[in-house]
Amino acid sequence: MRLNCPHCGTIASIRTSRELGSTVREAGAQCTNIECGHTWVARIVAERTIAPSMMPKPGVYIPLSPRSPAANAPAANQLELGMDLPPPRMAVPTG
């Protein structure tokens, strides 16, 4: 991840970071321009999901982006269509 100083635009270094929650991290950043020297705190937030996790953690909710292919997943439609079909017939043993 790359941060630029909001004052002079020079690349900044992340000096510290700490977790505030499952979806939020706080980072201490410092401008690498010695003439500027700005130091600040930034928050990094998981804002929306592009592709859902294959290992979701219980209790963690990150909203699905409307632009995500998963937002228009056909799975729900397939379930609805499948409900109109008759149940499968069971094979009856002969003999």
PDB file of N, CA and C in Angstrom:
ATOM      1  N   MET A   1       0.856  -1.175   0.000  1.00  0.00           N
ATOM      2  CA  MET A   1       0.000   0.000   0.000  1.00  0.00           C
ATOM      3  C   MET A   1       0.895   1.230   0.000  1.00  0.00           C
ATOM      4  N   ARG A   2       0.490   2.226  -0.730  1.00  0.00           N
ATOM      5  CA  ARG A   2       1.281   3.452  -0.835  1.00  0.00           C
ATOM      6  C   ARG A   2       0.473   4.640  -0.330  1.00  0.00           C
ATOM      7  N   LEU A   3       1.073   5.388   0.563  1.00  0.00           N
ATOM      8  CA  LEU A   3       0.469   6.628   1.055  1.00  0.00           C
ATOM      9  C   LEU A   3       1.343   7.786   0.621  1.00  0.00           C
ATOM     10  N   ASN A   4       0.702   8.866   0.266  1.00  0.00           N
ATOM     11  CA  ASN A   4       1.419  10.100  -0.043  1.00  0.00           C
ATOM     12  C   ASN A   4       1.075  11.134   1.014  1.00  0.00           C
ATOM     13  N   CYS A   5       2.033  11.989   1.313  1.00  0.00           N
ATOM     14  CA  CYS A   5       1.818  13.058   2.278  1.00  0.00           C
ATOM     15  C   CYS A   5       0.715  13.983   1.763  1.00  0.00           C
ATOM     16  N   PRO A   6      -0.274  14.288   2.597  1.00  0.00           N
ATOM     17  CA  PRO A   6      -1.349  15.174   2.157  1.00  0.00           C
ATOM     18  C   PRO A   6      -0.890  16.620   1.945  1.00  0.00           C
ATOM     19  N   HIS A   7       0.303  16.980   2.438  1.00  0.00           N
ATOM     20  CA  HIS A   7       0.793  18.345   2.289  1.00  0.00           C
ATOM     21  C   HIS A   7       1.708  18.511   1.085  1.00  0.00           C
ATOM     22  N   CYS A   8       2.762  17.688   0.992  1.00  0.00           N
ATOM     23  CA  CYS A   8       3.731  17.897  -0.090  1.00  0.00           C
ATOM     24  C   CYS A   8       3.638  16.847  -1.198  1.00  0.00           C
ATOM     25  N   GLY A   9       2.880  15.763  -0.963  1.00  0.00           N
ATOM     26  CA  GLY A   9       2.692  14.736  -1.987  1.00  0.00           C
ATOM     27  C   GLY A   9       3.788  13.685  -2.065  1.00  0.00           C
ATOM     28  N   THR A  10       4.818  13.799  -1.224  1.00  0.00           N
ATOM     29  CA  THR A  10       5.912  12.832  -1.217  1.00  0.00           C
ATOM     30  C   THR A  10       5.434  11.509  -0.623  1.00  0.00           C
ATOM     31  N   ILE A  11       6.037  10.414  -1.038  1.00  0.00           N
ATOM     32  CA  ILE A  11       5.696   9.101  -0.488  1.00  0.00           C
ATOM     33  C   ILE A  11       5.956   9.102   1.018  1.00  0.00           C
ATOM     34  N   ALA A  12       5.045   8.470   1.749  1.00  0.00           N
ATOM     35  CA  ALA A  12       5.157   8.382   3.203  1.00  0.00           C
ATOM     36  C   ALA A  12       5.478   6.948   3.609  1.00  0.00           C
ATOM     37  N   SER A  13       6.035   6.791   4.785  1.00  0.00           N
ATOM     38  CA  SER A  13       6.304   5.476   5.367  1.00  0.00           C
ATOM     39  C   SER A  13       5.295   5.220   6.463  1.00  0.00           C
ATOM     40  N   ILE A  14       4.784   3.979   6.517  1.00  0.00           N
ATOM     41  CA  ILE A  14       3.933   3.593   7.642  1.00  0.00           C
ATOM     42  C   ILE A  14       4.879   3.140   8.741  1.00  0.00           C
ATOM     43  N   ARG A  15       4.849   3.841   9.867  1.00  0.00           N
ATOM     44  CA  ARG A  15       5.792   3.587  10.957  1.00  0.00           C
ATOM     45  C   ARG A  15       5.218   2.635  12.009  1.00  0.00           C
ATOM     46  N   THR A  16       3.933   2.723  12.253  1.00  0.00           N
ATOM     47  CA  THR A  16       3.269   1.860  13.236  1.00  0.00           C
ATOM     48  C   THR A  16       1.896   1.496  12.708  1.00  0.00           C
ATOM     49  N   SER A  17       1.327   0.441  13.237  1.00  0.00           N
ATOM     50  CA  SER A  17      -0.065   0.139  12.933  1.00  0.00           C
ATOM     51  C   SER A  17      -0.626  -0.722  14.056  1.00  0.00           C
ATOM     52  N   ARG A  18      -1.914  -0.574  14.269  1.00  0.00           N
ATOM     53  CA  ARG A  18      -2.586  -1.388  15.283  1.00  0.00           C
ATOM     54  C   ARG A  18      -4.012  -1.670  14.836  1.00  0.00           C
ATOM     55  N   GLU A  19      -4.481  -2.850  15.199  1.00  0.00           N
ATOM     56  CA  GLU A  19      -5.829  -3.268  14.835  1.00  0.00           C
ATOM     57  C   GLU A  19      -6.830  -2.640  15.787  1.00  0.00           C
ATOM     58  N   LEU A  20      -7.853  -2.008  15.240  1.00  0.00           N
ATOM     59  CA  LEU A  20      -8.926  -1.431  16.057  1.00  0.00           C
ATOM     60  C   LEU A  20     -10.152  -2.332  16.054  1.00  0.00           C
ATOM     61  N   GLY A  21     -10.246  -3.217  15.083  1.00  0.00           N
ATOM     62  CA  GLY A  21     -11.366  -4.149  14.945  1.00  0.00           C
ATOM     63  C   GLY A  21     -11.078  -5.061  13.766  1.00  0.00           C
ATOM     64  N   SER A  22     -11.976  -5.988  13.489  1.00  0.00           N
ATOM     65  CA  SER A  22     -11.775  -6.938  12.390  1.00  0.00           C
ATOM     66  C   SER A  22     -11.636  -6.256  11.040  1.00  0.00           C
ATOM     67  N   THR A  23     -12.246  -5.096  10.885  1.00  0.00           N
ATOM     68  CA  THR A  23     -12.249  -4.422   9.590  1.00  0.00           C
ATOM     69  C   THR A  23     -11.593  -3.051   9.607  1.00  0.00           C
ATOM     70  N   VAL A  24     -10.966  -2.670  10.730  1.00  0.00           N
ATOM     71  CA  VAL A  24     -10.355  -1.339  10.843  1.00  0.00           C
ATOM     72  C   VAL A  24      -8.941  -1.447  11.417  1.00  0.00           C
ATOM     73  N   ARG A  25      -8.027  -0.728  10.806  1.00  0.00           N
ATOM     74  CA  ARG A  25      -6.637  -0.663  11.276  1.00  0.00           C
ATOM     75  C   ARG A  25      -6.216   0.806  11.292  1.00  0.00           C
ATOM     76  N   GLU A  26      -5.479   1.192  12.323  1.00  0.00           N
ATOM     77  CA  GLU A  26      -4.966   2.551  12.440  1.00  0.00           C
ATOM     78  C   GLU A  26      -3.467   2.503  12.162  1.00  0.00           C
ATOM     79  N   ALA A  27      -2.981   3.406  11.298  1.00  0.00           N
ATOM     80  CA  ALA A  27      -1.566   3.416  10.925  1.00  0.00           C
ATOM     81  C   ALA A  27      -0.971   4.797  11.161  1.00  0.00           C
ATOM     82  N   GLY A  28       0.209   4.799  11.766  1.00  0.00           N
ATOM     83  CA  GLY A  28       0.968   6.037  11.939  1.00  0.00           C
ATOM     84  C   GLY A  28       1.868   6.206  10.720  1.00  0.00           C
ATOM     85  N   ALA A  29       1.742   7.313  10.026  1.00  0.00           N
ATOM     86  CA  ALA A  29       2.498   7.546   8.792  1.00  0.00           C
ATOM     87  C   ALA A  29       3.411   8.752   8.950  1.00  0.00           C
ATOM     88  N   GLN A  30       4.522   8.722   8.208  1.00  0.00           N
ATOM     89  CA  GLN A  30       5.487   9.822   8.268  1.00  0.00           C
ATOM     90  C   GLN A  30       5.969  10.137   6.861  1.00  0.00           C
ATOM     91  N   CYS A  31       5.952  11.412   6.517  1.00  0.00           N
ATOM     92  CA  CYS A  31       6.438  11.875   5.221  1.00  0.00           C
ATOM     93  C   CYS A  31       7.945  11.628   5.135  1.00  0.00           C
ATOM     94  N   THR A  32       8.408  11.142   3.986  1.00  0.00           N
ATOM     95  CA  THR A  32       9.843  10.886   3.818  1.00  0.00           C
ATOM     96  C   THR A  32      10.610  12.120   3.346  1.00  0.00           C
ATOM     97  N   ASN A  33       9.909  13.206   3.063  1.00  0.00           N
ATOM     98  CA  ASN A  33      10.546  14.467   2.685  1.00  0.00           C
ATOM     99  C   ASN A  33      11.004  15.165   3.974  1.00  0.00           C
ATOM    100  N   ILE A  34      12.302  15.239   4.200  1.00  0.00           N
ATOM    101  CA  ILE A  34      12.797  15.809   5.460  1.00  0.00           C
ATOM    102  C   ILE A  34      12.464  17.287   5.606  1.00  0.00           C
ATOM    103  N   GLU A  35      12.211  17.967   4.504  1.00  0.00           N
ATOM    104  CA  GLU A  35      11.830  19.383   4.591  1.00  0.00           C
ATOM    105  C   GLU A  35      10.383  19.544   5.039  1.00  0.00           C
ATOM    106  N   CYS A  36       9.568  18.524   4.814  1.00  0.00           N
ATOM    107  CA  CYS A  36       8.164  18.568   5.233  1.00  0.00           C
ATOM    108  C   CYS A  36       8.025  17.970   6.641  1.00  0.00           C
ATOM    109  N   GLY A  37       8.388  16.696   6.783  1.00  0.00           N
ATOM    110  CA  GLY A  37       8.372  16.046   8.088  1.00  0.00           C
ATOM    111  C   GLY A  37       7.007  15.786   8.703  1.00  0.00           C
ATOM    112  N   HIS A  38       5.952  15.887   7.926  1.00  0.00           N
ATOM    113  CA  HIS A  38       4.607  15.687   8.466  1.00  0.00           C
ATOM    114  C   HIS A  38       4.432  14.251   8.963  1.00  0.00           C
ATOM    115  N   THR A  39       3.842  14.100  10.148  1.00  0.00           N
ATOM    116  CA  THR A  39       3.512  12.806  10.719  1.00  0.00           C
ATOM    117  C   THR A  39       2.028  12.828  11.052  1.00  0.00           C
ATOM    118  N   TRP A  40       1.314  11.761  10.698  1.00  0.00           N
ATOM    119  CA  TRP A  40      -0.130  11.721  10.917  1.00  0.00           C
ATOM    120  C   TRP A  40      -0.593  10.293  11.138  1.00  0.00           C
ATOM    121  N   VAL A  41      -1.865  10.170  11.510  1.00  0.00           N
ATOM    122  CA  VAL A  41      -2.499   8.871  11.727  1.00  0.00           C
ATOM    123  C   VAL A  41      -3.575   8.704  10.654  1.00  0.00           C
ATOM    124  N   ALA A  42      -3.585   7.536  10.034  1.00  0.00           N
ATOM    125  CA  ALA A  42      -4.584   7.221   9.010  1.00  0.00           C
ATOM    126  C   ALA A  42      -5.341   5.977   9.450  1.00  0.00           C
ATOM    127  N   ARG A  43      -6.563   5.831   8.975  1.00  0.00           N
ATOM    128  CA  ARG A  43      -7.347   4.625   9.237  1.00  0.00           C
ATOM    129  C   ARG A  43      -7.544   3.883   7.931  1.00  0.00           C
ATOM    130  N   ILE A  44      -7.366   2.582   8.006  1.00  0.00           N
ATOM    131  CA  ILE A  44      -7.573   1.720   6.857  1.00  0.00           C
ATOM    132  C   ILE A  44      -8.796   0.860   7.188  1.00  0.00           C
ATOM    133  N   VAL A  45      -9.818   0.963   6.347  1.00  0.00           N
ATOM    134  CA  VAL A  45     -11.092   0.299   6.620  1.00  0.00           C
ATOM    135  C   VAL A  45     -11.450  -0.627   5.472  1.00  0.00           C
ATOM    136  N   ALA A  46     -11.865  -1.847   5.790  1.00  0.00           N
ATOM    137  CA  ALA A  46     -12.418  -2.759   4.787  1.00  0.00           C
ATOM    138  C   ALA A  46     -13.839  -2.283   4.530  1.00  0.00           C
ATOM    139  N   GLU A  47     -14.056  -1.634   3.403  1.00  0.00           N
ATOM    140  CA  GLU A  47     -15.308  -0.931   3.142  1.00  0.00           C
ATOM    141  C   GLU A  47     -16.347  -1.751   2.391  1.00  0.00           C
ATOM    142  N   ARG A  48     -15.914  -2.524   1.379  1.00  0.00           N
ATOM    143  CA  ARG A  48     -16.870  -3.332   0.620  1.00  0.00           C
ATOM    144  C   ARG A  48     -16.157  -4.549   0.040  1.00  0.00           C
ATOM    145  N   THR A  49     -16.919  -5.589  -0.219  1.00  0.00           N
ATOM    146  CA  THR A  49     -16.391  -6.850  -0.724  1.00  0.00           C
ATOM    147  C   THR A  49     -16.497  -6.898  -2.235  1.00  0.00           C
ATOM    148  N   ILE A  50     -15.394  -7.232  -2.892  1.00  0.00           N
ATOM    149  CA  ILE A  50     -15.393  -7.424  -4.348  1.00  0.00           C
ATOM    150  C   ILE A  50     -15.655  -8.901  -4.646  1.00  0.00           C
ATOM    151  N   ALA A  51     -14.895  -9.784  -3.992  1.00  0.00           N
ATOM    152  CA  ALA A  51     -15.075 -11.235  -4.119  1.00  0.00           C
ATOM    153  C   ALA A  51     -15.177 -11.804  -2.710  1.00  0.00           C
ATOM    154  N   PRO A  52     -16.263 -12.493  -2.389  1.00  0.00           N
ATOM    155  CA  PRO A  52     -16.447 -13.015  -1.039  1.00  0.00           C
ATOM    156  C   PRO A  52     -15.347 -14.005  -0.644  1.00  0.00           C
ATOM    157  N   SER A  53     -15.036 -14.048   0.641  1.00  0.00           N
ATOM    158  CA  SER A  53     -14.024 -14.953   1.174  1.00  0.00           C
ATOM    159  C   SER A  53     -14.495 -16.396   1.074  1.00  0.00           C
ATOM    160  N   MET A  54     -13.572 -17.281   0.808  1.00  0.00           N
ATOM    161  CA  MET A  54     -13.875 -18.708   0.823  1.00  0.00           C
ATOM    162  C   MET A  54     -13.746 -19.272   2.240  1.00  0.00           C
ATOM    163  N   MET A  55     -13.285 -18.436   3.169  1.00  0.00           N
ATOM    164  CA  MET A  55     -13.149 -18.825   4.578  1.00  0.00           C
ATOM    165  C   MET A  55     -13.725 -17.719   5.464  1.00  0.00           C
ATOM    166  N   PRO A  56     -15.017 -17.402   5.348  1.00  0.00           N
ATOM    167  CA  PRO A  56     -15.577 -16.279   6.107  1.00  0.00           C
ATOM    168  C   PRO A  56     -15.489 -16.499   7.617  1.00  0.00           C
ATOM    169  N   LYS A  57     -15.155 -15.435   8.323  1.00  0.00           N
ATOM    170  CA  LYS A  57     -15.046 -15.476   9.783  1.00  0.00           C
ATOM    171  C   LYS A  57     -16.397 -15.086  10.378  1.00  0.00           C
ATOM    172  N   PRO A  58     -16.951 -15.892  11.266  1.00  0.00           N
ATOM    173  CA  PRO A  58     -18.230 -15.547  11.877  1.00  0.00           C
ATOM    174  C   PRO A  58     -18.164 -14.178  12.551  1.00  0.00           C
ATOM    175  N   GLY A  59     -19.184 -13.390  12.361  1.00  0.00           N
ATOM    176  CA  GLY A  59     -19.264 -12.079  12.986  1.00  0.00           C
ATOM    177  C   GLY A  59     -18.638 -10.958  12.189  1.00  0.00           C
ATOM    178  N   VAL A  60     -17.921 -11.276  11.104  1.00  0.00           N
ATOM    179  CA  VAL A  60     -17.317 -10.226  10.277  1.00  0.00           C
ATOM    180  C   VAL A  60     -18.225  -9.995   9.083  1.00  0.00           C
ATOM    181  N   TYR A  61     -18.712  -8.766   8.954  1.00  0.00           N
ATOM    182  CA  TYR A  61     -19.588  -8.417   7.838  1.00  0.00           C
ATOM    183  C   TYR A  61     -18.991  -7.235   7.088  1.00  0.00           C
ATOM    184  N   ILE A  62     -18.686  -7.440   5.820  1.00  0.00           N
ATOM    185  CA  ILE A  62     -18.226  -6.376   4.938  1.00  0.00           C
ATOM    186  C   ILE A  62     -19.198  -6.375   3.773  1.00  0.00           C
ATOM    187  N   PRO A  63     -19.964  -5.295   3.571  1.00  0.00           N
ATOM    188  CA  PRO A  63     -21.002  -5.280   2.543  1.00  0.00           C
ATOM    189  C   PRO A  63     -20.457  -5.622   1.151  1.00  0.00           C
ATOM    190  N   LEU A  64     -21.301  -6.259   0.367  1.00  0.00           N
ATOM    191  CA  LEU A  64     -20.954  -6.638  -0.992  1.00  0.00           C
ATOM    192  C   LEU A  64     -21.078  -5.418  -1.903  1.00  0.00           C
ATOM    193  N   SER A  65     -20.061  -5.170  -2.713  1.00  0.00           N
ATOM    194  CA  SER A  65     -20.095  -4.070  -3.668  1.00  0.00           C
ATOM    195  C   SER A  65     -21.163  -4.349  -4.725  1.00  0.00           C
ATOM    196  N   PRO A  66     -21.957  -3.351  -5.112  1.00  0.00           N
ATOM    197  CA  PRO A  66     -22.952  -3.574  -6.157  1.00  0.00           C
ATOM    198  C   PRO A  66     -22.301  -3.920  -7.490  1.00  0.00           C
ATOM    199  N   ARG A  67     -21.020  -3.583  -7.666  1.00  0.00           N
ATOM    200  CA  ARG A  67     -20.313  -3.885  -8.907  1.00  0.00           C
ATOM    201  C   ARG A  67     -19.696  -5.276  -8.907  1.00  0.00           C
ATOM    202  N   SER A  68     -19.772  -5.957  -7.762  1.00  0.00           N
ATOM    203  CA  SER A  68     -19.194  -7.291  -7.650  1.00  0.00           C
ATOM    204  C   SER A  68     -19.977  -8.291  -8.486  1.00  0.00           C
ATOM    205  N   PRO A  69     -19.281  -9.207  -9.171  1.00  0.00           N
ATOM    206  CA  PRO A  69     -20.000 -10.262  -9.901  1.00  0.00           C
ATOM    207  C   PRO A  69     -20.869 -11.093  -8.964  1.00  0.00           C
ATOM    208  N   ALA A  70     -20.478 -11.215  -7.692  1.00  0.00           N
ATOM    209  CA  ALA A  70     -21.262 -11.986  -6.730  1.00  0.00           C
ATOM    210  C   ALA A  70     -22.594 -11.314  -6.414  1.00  0.00           C
ATOM    211  N   ALA A  71     -22.716 -10.013  -6.652  1.00  0.00           N
ATOM    212  CA  ALA A  71     -23.966  -9.303  -6.376  1.00  0.00           C
ATOM    213  C   ALA A  71     -25.074  -9.763  -7.313  1.00  0.00           C
ATOM    214  N   ASN A  72     -24.714 -10.252  -8.465  1.00  0.00           N
ATOM    215  CA  ASN A  72     -25.687 -10.728  -9.448  1.00  0.00           C
ATOM    216  C   ASN A  72     -25.573 -12.238  -9.638  1.00  0.00           C
ATOM    217  N   ALA A  73     -25.214 -12.941  -8.570  1.00  0.00           N
ATOM    218  CA  ALA A  73     -25.006 -14.381  -8.654  1.00  0.00           C
ATOM    219  C   ALA A  73     -26.296 -15.091  -9.070  1.00  0.00           C
ATOM    220  N   PRO A  74     -26.215 -16.004 -10.009  1.00  0.00           N
ATOM    221  CA  PRO A  74     -27.407 -16.715 -10.467  1.00  0.00           C
ATOM    222  C   PRO A  74     -27.893 -17.768  -9.488  1.00  0.00           C
ATOM    223  N   ALA A  75     -27.154 -18.047  -8.420  1.00  0.00           N
ATOM    224  CA  ALA A  75     -27.519 -19.121  -7.497  1.00  0.00           C
ATOM    225  C   ALA A  75     -28.937 -18.946  -6.948  1.00  0.00           C
ATOM    226  N   ALA A  76     -29.314 -17.738  -6.571  1.00  0.00           N
ATOM    227  CA  ALA A  76     -30.648 -17.517  -6.016  1.00  0.00           C
ATOM    228  C   ALA A  76     -31.717 -17.823  -7.068  1.00  0.00           C
ATOM    229  N   ASN A  77     -31.495 -17.410  -8.302  1.00  0.00           N
ATOM    230  CA  ASN A  77     -32.453 -17.684  -9.367  1.00  0.00           C
ATOM    231  C   ASN A  77     -32.551 -19.181  -9.625  1.00  0.00           C
ATOM    232  N   GLN A  78     -31.432 -19.884  -9.595  1.00  0.00           N
ATOM    233  CA  GLN A  78     -31.456 -21.318  -9.831  1.00  0.00           C
ATOM    234  C   GLN A  78     -32.253 -22.028  -8.753  1.00  0.00           C
ATOM    235  N   LEU A  79     -32.141 -21.568  -7.519  1.00  0.00           N
ATOM    236  CA  LEU A  79     -32.917 -22.191  -6.455  1.00  0.00           C
ATOM    237  C   LEU A  79     -34.409 -21.996  -6.684  1.00  0.00           C
ATOM    238  N   GLU A  80     -34.797 -20.810  -7.128  1.00  0.00           N
ATOM    239  CA  GLU A  80     -36.205 -20.553  -7.399  1.00  0.00           C
ATOM    240  C   GLU A  80     -36.701 -21.434  -8.528  1.00  0.00           C
ATOM    241  N   LEU A  81     -35.930 -21.570  -9.594  1.00  0.00           N
ATOM    242  CA  LEU A  81     -36.332 -22.407 -10.715  1.00  0.00           C
ATOM    243  C   LEU A  81     -36.427 -23.863 -10.291  1.00  0.00           C
ATOM    244  N   GLY A  82     -35.498 -24.291  -9.459  1.00  0.00           N
ATOM    245  CA  GLY A  82     -35.483 -25.676  -9.011  1.00  0.00           C
ATOM    246  C   GLY A  82     -36.706 -26.049  -8.194  1.00  0.00           C
ATOM    247  N   MET A  83     -37.341 -25.087  -7.559  1.00  0.00           N
ATOM    248  CA  MET A  83     -38.503 -25.376  -6.732  1.00  0.00           C
ATOM    249  C   MET A  83     -39.710 -25.737  -7.583  1.00  0.00           C
ATOM    250  N   ASP A  84     -39.734 -25.357  -8.858  1.00  0.00           N
ATOM    251  CA  ASP A  84     -40.854 -25.665  -9.733  1.00  0.00           C
ATOM    252  C   ASP A  84     -40.784 -27.087 -10.275  1.00  0.00           C
ATOM    253  N   LEU A  85     -39.644 -27.728 -10.142  1.00  0.00           N
ATOM    254  CA  LEU A  85     -39.477 -29.071 -10.672  1.00  0.00           C
ATOM    255  C   LEU A  85     -40.079 -30.085  -9.717  1.00  0.00           C
ATOM    256  N   PRO A  86     -40.607 -31.204 -10.267  1.00  0.00           N
ATOM    257  CA  PRO A  86     -41.133 -32.242  -9.368  1.00  0.00           C
ATOM    258  C   PRO A  86     -39.982 -32.927  -8.639  1.00  0.00           C
ATOM    259  N   PRO A  87     -40.244 -33.511  -7.473  1.00  0.00           N
ATOM    260  CA  PRO A  87     -39.169 -34.196  -6.750  1.00  0.00           C
ATOM    261  C   PRO A  87     -38.688 -35.403  -7.549  1.00  0.00           C
ATOM    262  N   PRO A  88     -37.448 -35.791  -7.384  1.00  0.00           N
ATOM    263  CA  PRO A  88     -36.956 -36.950  -8.132  1.00  0.00           C
ATOM    264  C   PRO A  88     -37.656 -38.225  -7.680  1.00  0.00           C
ATOM    265  N   ARG A  89     -37.852 -39.152  -8.654  1.00  0.00           N
ATOM    266  CA  ARG A  89     -38.502 -40.424  -8.329  1.00  0.00           C
ATOM    267  C   ARG A  89     -37.477 -41.389  -7.758  1.00  0.00           C
ATOM    268  N   MET A  90     -37.890 -42.101  -6.760  1.00  0.00           N
ATOM    269  CA  MET A  90     -37.020 -43.093  -6.136  1.00  0.00           C
ATOM    270  C   MET A  90     -37.126 -44.396  -6.927  1.00  0.00           C
ATOM    271  N   ALA A  91     -35.996 -45.055  -7.083  1.00  0.00           N
ATOM    272  CA  ALA A  91     -35.991 -46.353  -7.761  1.00  0.00           C
ATOM    273  C   ALA A  91     -36.645 -47.391  -6.850  1.00  0.00           C
ATOM    274  N   VAL A  92     -37.530 -48.176  -7.411  1.00  0.00           N
ATOM    275  CA  VAL A  92     -38.206 -49.220  -6.649  1.00  0.00           C
ATOM    276  C   VAL A  92     -37.471 -50.540  -6.923  1.00  0.00           C
ATOM    277  N   PRO A  93     -36.998 -51.191  -5.873  1.00  0.00           N
ATOM    278  CA  PRO A  93     -36.293 -52.458  -6.096  1.00  0.00           C
ATOM    279  C   PRO A  93     -37.218 -53.507  -6.694  1.00  0.00           C
ATOM    280  N   THR A  94     -36.710 -54.243  -7.622  1.00  0.00           N
ATOM    281  CA  THR A  94     -37.501 -55.326  -8.236  1.00  0.00           C
ATOM    282  C   THR A  94     -36.895 -56.662  -7.817  1.00  0.00           C
ATOM    283  N   GLY A  95     -37.712 -57.623  -7.693  1.00  0.00           N
ATOM    284  CA  GLY A  95     -37.127 -58.925  -7.433  1.00  0.00           C
ATOM    285  C   GLY A  95     -37.816 -59.728  -6.507  1.00  0.00           C
TER     286      GLY A  95
END
